[in-house]
C-alpha atoms as a PDB file:
ATOM      1  CA  MET A   1      -1.649   4.692   0.970  1.00  0.00           C
ATOM      2  CA  VAL A   2      -2.425   3.519  -2.393  1.00  0.00           C
ATOM      3  CA  GLN A   3       0.914   5.331  -4.153  1.00  0.00           C
ATOM      4  CA  ALA A   4       3.020   3.385  -1.045  1.00  0.00           C
ATOM      5  CA  VAL A   5       2.277   0.276  -2.226  1.00  0.00           C
ATOM      6  CA  ALA A   6       2.511   1.094  -5.810  1.00  0.00           C
ATOM      7  CA  ALA A   7       5.882   2.392  -5.472  1.00  0.00           C
ATOM      8  CA  LEU A   8       6.842  -1.021  -3.776  1.00  0.00           C
ATOM      9  CA  GLY A   9       6.324  -2.459  -7.131  1.00  0.00           C
ATOM     10  CA  VAL A  10       4.689  -6.176  -6.370  1.00  0.00           C
ATOM     11  CA  PRO A  11       4.068  -7.967  -8.866  1.00  0.00           C
ATOM     12  CA  LYS A  12       0.044  -8.539  -9.472  1.00  0.00           C
ATOM     13  CA  THR A  13      -0.984  -6.303  -7.327  1.00  0.00           C
ATOM     14  CA  LEU A  14      -5.108  -4.925  -8.146  1.00  0.00           C
ATOM     15  CA  ARG A  15      -7.029  -2.241  -6.384  1.00  0.00           C
ATOM     16  CA  VAL A  16     -10.627  -2.771  -6.283  1.00  0.00           C
ATOM     17  CA  GLU A  17     -12.776   0.322  -4.647  1.00  0.00           C
ATOM     18  CA  LEU A  18     -16.766   0.430  -4.176  1.00  0.00           C
ATOM     19  CA  ALA A  19     -18.891   3.946  -3.087  1.00  0.00           C
ATOM     20  CA  VAL A  20     -22.341   3.868  -2.739  1.00  0.00           C
ATOM     21  CA  ALA A  21     -22.157   7.667  -2.946  1.00  0.00           C
ATOM     22  CA  ALA A  22     -19.751  10.658  -3.095  1.00  0.00           C
ATOM     23  CA  PRO A  23     -17.960  11.666   0.138  1.00  0.00           C
ATOM     24  CA  GLY A  24     -19.589  14.282   2.361  1.00  0.00           C
ATOM     25  CA  ARG A  25     -22.998  13.748   1.037  1.00  0.00           C
ATOM     26  CA  ARG A  26     -24.009  11.647   4.089  1.00  0.00           C
ATOM     27  CA  PRO A  27     -22.686  11.064   6.983  1.00  0.00           C
ATOM     28  CA  GLY A  28     -20.474   7.843   7.693  1.00  0.00           C
ATOM     29  CA  LEU A  29     -18.520   5.297   5.648  1.00  0.00           C
ATOM     30  CA  THR A  30     -19.926   5.352   1.794  1.00  0.00           C
ATOM     31  CA  GLY A  31     -16.937   3.075   0.441  1.00  0.00           C
ATOM     32  CA  SER A  32     -14.351   0.902   0.963  1.00  0.00           C
ATOM     33  CA  GLY A  33     -11.464  -0.966  -1.118  1.00  0.00           C
ATOM     34  CA  LEU A  34      -8.765  -3.517  -1.005  1.00  0.00           C
ATOM     35  CA  LEU A  35      -5.440  -4.487  -2.422  1.00  0.00           C
ATOM     36  CA  LEU A  36      -4.981  -7.491  -3.563  1.00  0.00           C
ATOM     37  CA  VAL A  37      -1.783  -9.465  -4.015  1.00  0.00           C
ATOM     38  CA  ASN A  38      -1.589 -12.236  -6.768  1.00  0.00           C
ATOM     39  CA  PRO A  39      -5.319 -12.463  -6.671  1.00  0.00           C
ATOM     40  CA  PRO A  40      -6.627 -16.169  -8.591  1.00  0.00           C
ATOM     41  CA  TRP A  41      -6.651 -15.478 -12.102  1.00  0.00           C
ATOM     42  CA  VAL A  42     -10.707 -15.519 -12.578  1.00  0.00           C
ATOM     43  CA  LEU A  43     -11.264 -12.550  -9.877  1.00  0.00           C
ATOM     44  CA  GLU A  44     -10.619  -9.796 -12.049  1.00  0.00           C
ATOM     45  CA  ALA A  45     -13.260 -10.853 -14.601  1.00  0.00           C
ATOM     46  CA  GLU A  46     -15.735 -11.551 -11.902  1.00  0.00           C
ATOM     47  CA  LEU A  47     -15.211  -8.301  -9.880  1.00  0.00           C
ATOM     48  CA  ARG A  48     -15.826  -6.451 -13.651  1.00  0.00           C
ATOM     49  CA  GLU A  49     -19.422  -8.211 -13.992  1.00  0.00           C
ATOM     50  CA  ALA A  50     -19.882  -7.798 -10.357  1.00  0.00           C
ATOM     51  CA  LEU A  51     -19.313  -4.486  -9.427  1.00  0.00           C
ATOM     52  CA  PRO A  52     -21.271  -2.303 -11.648  1.00  0.00           C
ATOM     53  CA  TRP A  53     -24.020  -4.487 -10.572  1.00  0.00           C
ATOM     54  CA  LEU A  54     -23.373  -3.658  -6.558  1.00  0.00           C
ATOM     55  CA  ALA A  55     -22.928  -0.052  -7.684  1.00  0.00           C
ATOM     56  CA  GLN A  56     -26.429   0.408  -8.618  1.00  0.00           C
ATOM     57  CA  ARG A  57     -28.518  -1.764  -6.406  1.00  0.00           C
ATOM     58  CA  LEU A  58     -26.215  -0.649  -3.098  1.00  0.00           C
ATOM     59  CA  GLY A  59     -25.586   3.065  -4.038  1.00  0.00           C
ATOM     60  CA  ASP A  60     -28.280   5.895  -3.680  1.00  0.00           C
ATOM     61  CA  THR A  61     -26.305   9.029  -5.170  1.00  0.00           C
ATOM     62  CA  ASP A  62     -23.172   8.819  -7.235  1.00  0.00           C
ATOM     63  CA  PRO A  63     -22.132   5.310  -6.679  1.00  0.00           C
ATOM     64  CA  ALA A  64     -19.071   4.605  -8.366  1.00  0.00           C
ATOM     65  CA  TRP A  65     -16.451   1.605  -8.411  1.00  0.00           C
ATOM     66  CA  ARG A  66     -12.849   1.048  -9.912  1.00  0.00           C
ATOM     67  CA  LEU A  67     -10.947  -1.825 -10.491  1.00  0.00           C
ATOM     68  CA  ASP A  68      -7.336  -1.584 -11.819  1.00  0.00           C
ATOM     69  CA  TRP A  69      -3.512  -2.923 -11.384  1.00  0.00           C
ATOM     70  CA  LEU A  70      -1.332  -0.855  -9.300  1.00  0.00           C
ATOM     71  CA  VAL A  71       1.390  -3.382 -10.544  1.00  0.00           C
ATOM     72  CA  GLY A  72       1.003  -6.008 -13.403  1.00  0.00           C
END
């Protein structure tokens, strides 16, 4: 899905993902993500600060996060 959205070339598309455990380490949903089109200009900086904190506090084993621009 992410590749298909990136191929559309819509400007200012930001990807945000948070996983509290590695896939398959426990049953159920271990992560989630958002694709944001034209997010508020301060959101990227706020998320860069919040995501590591959230991953550390919510994660049990191998938490991870991702924040990047699919289309700048």
